[in-house]
């Protein structure tokens, strides 16, 4: 029930010859899927399809964002003609994230609007919610978010459809709430959570990507990424009423909470893995702050899950650990003279407010 093939087919809107004697098919929107190529020709002729997302300032296709791969390897399909009349090529073992496709190996006469169509694909996630208002920009943001969510859901939530296609846990933790408000993704999340539990080490540690061949425990993880194990079942239960998913993951969640407790330093703070990821300038919020406050969020949600399941010992453990970490954050990382969190930056201050580091009476003095 996962992959929907050909749910939307977008005809090419514009065809233009580029400097490499190829033909540019611009579909006008960045999405994910494959193309369907219809062509006739002599046996052995090679057709190259190079996919991209944006254009350079001079108007030429730009694939410089595809890093960590040999040039021309990723986002590139090749088809060799059989020479048996009209042939239809639609890849079945890959997909791409793209707006345009440069086709090489065809003539100007063959570069017709029906040569190539964009076949949009994603997991079969039924729409269950929508949003609209009188502000056009907000509506556009909702549409872009929906497109991004679907473009990054192929069996499991991924980081991008054009390059890594990995199940980065941090991306999924951040997007789960709004996805579940818009799309029926519970069953897909349930399957992915099975993989997360299988990847969890005996000590409770989680990798930064799932599925993984073992990579992601030494770099690429940390509470803000590991939160997926707790956040996703929590939101599936709170927003969709799925009790089974919190039952299935309760043991793994508690194992992770115990892991957090053991990873605290002598001040009672947590600093493991990645922190404030890719800010516009240098990182200003220390890892010990973002990790510790994220742990507070995980523990608060875990305590709620255990309360719903009647697991009182687990709930009490999480509530106690939550209070201990919160006290440590307030003691070591908050300047009460200026009412600012360490780093004096948007990340630190916003997290301190949003995750209740400040007491209710203190919020009026926080800037």
Foldseek 3Di string as FASTA:
>chain_A
DWKDWQPDKAWFDDWDQDPVRWIKGFRPDWFKFWKKFKDADAFFQKKKKAFAADADPVRHGDPVVQPPDPPQPFRMDMDTDHRDGIDIDTDDPAMATHRMIIMPRDDPVCPDRPRMIGIGMFTPWDWDADDDDPDPVVNVVRVVLVRQQRRQHRLHGADHRGHDSWAFQLVCLVCQQVCLNTTRCLVSLLVQLVQQLVQADPQLATARTPPDPNPRRQENDALSRVLSLQRNLLSCCVVVVDLVSLVVSLVSLLSNLVSLQVQADPLLFHADYDFDPDDVDDDQAHSRQRRLLSLLVSLVSSLVSCVVVVNVVSNVSSVVSSVSSLVSQCVPFADLVQRFGGSNDPVRLVSCVVSVSDPPVSVVRRD
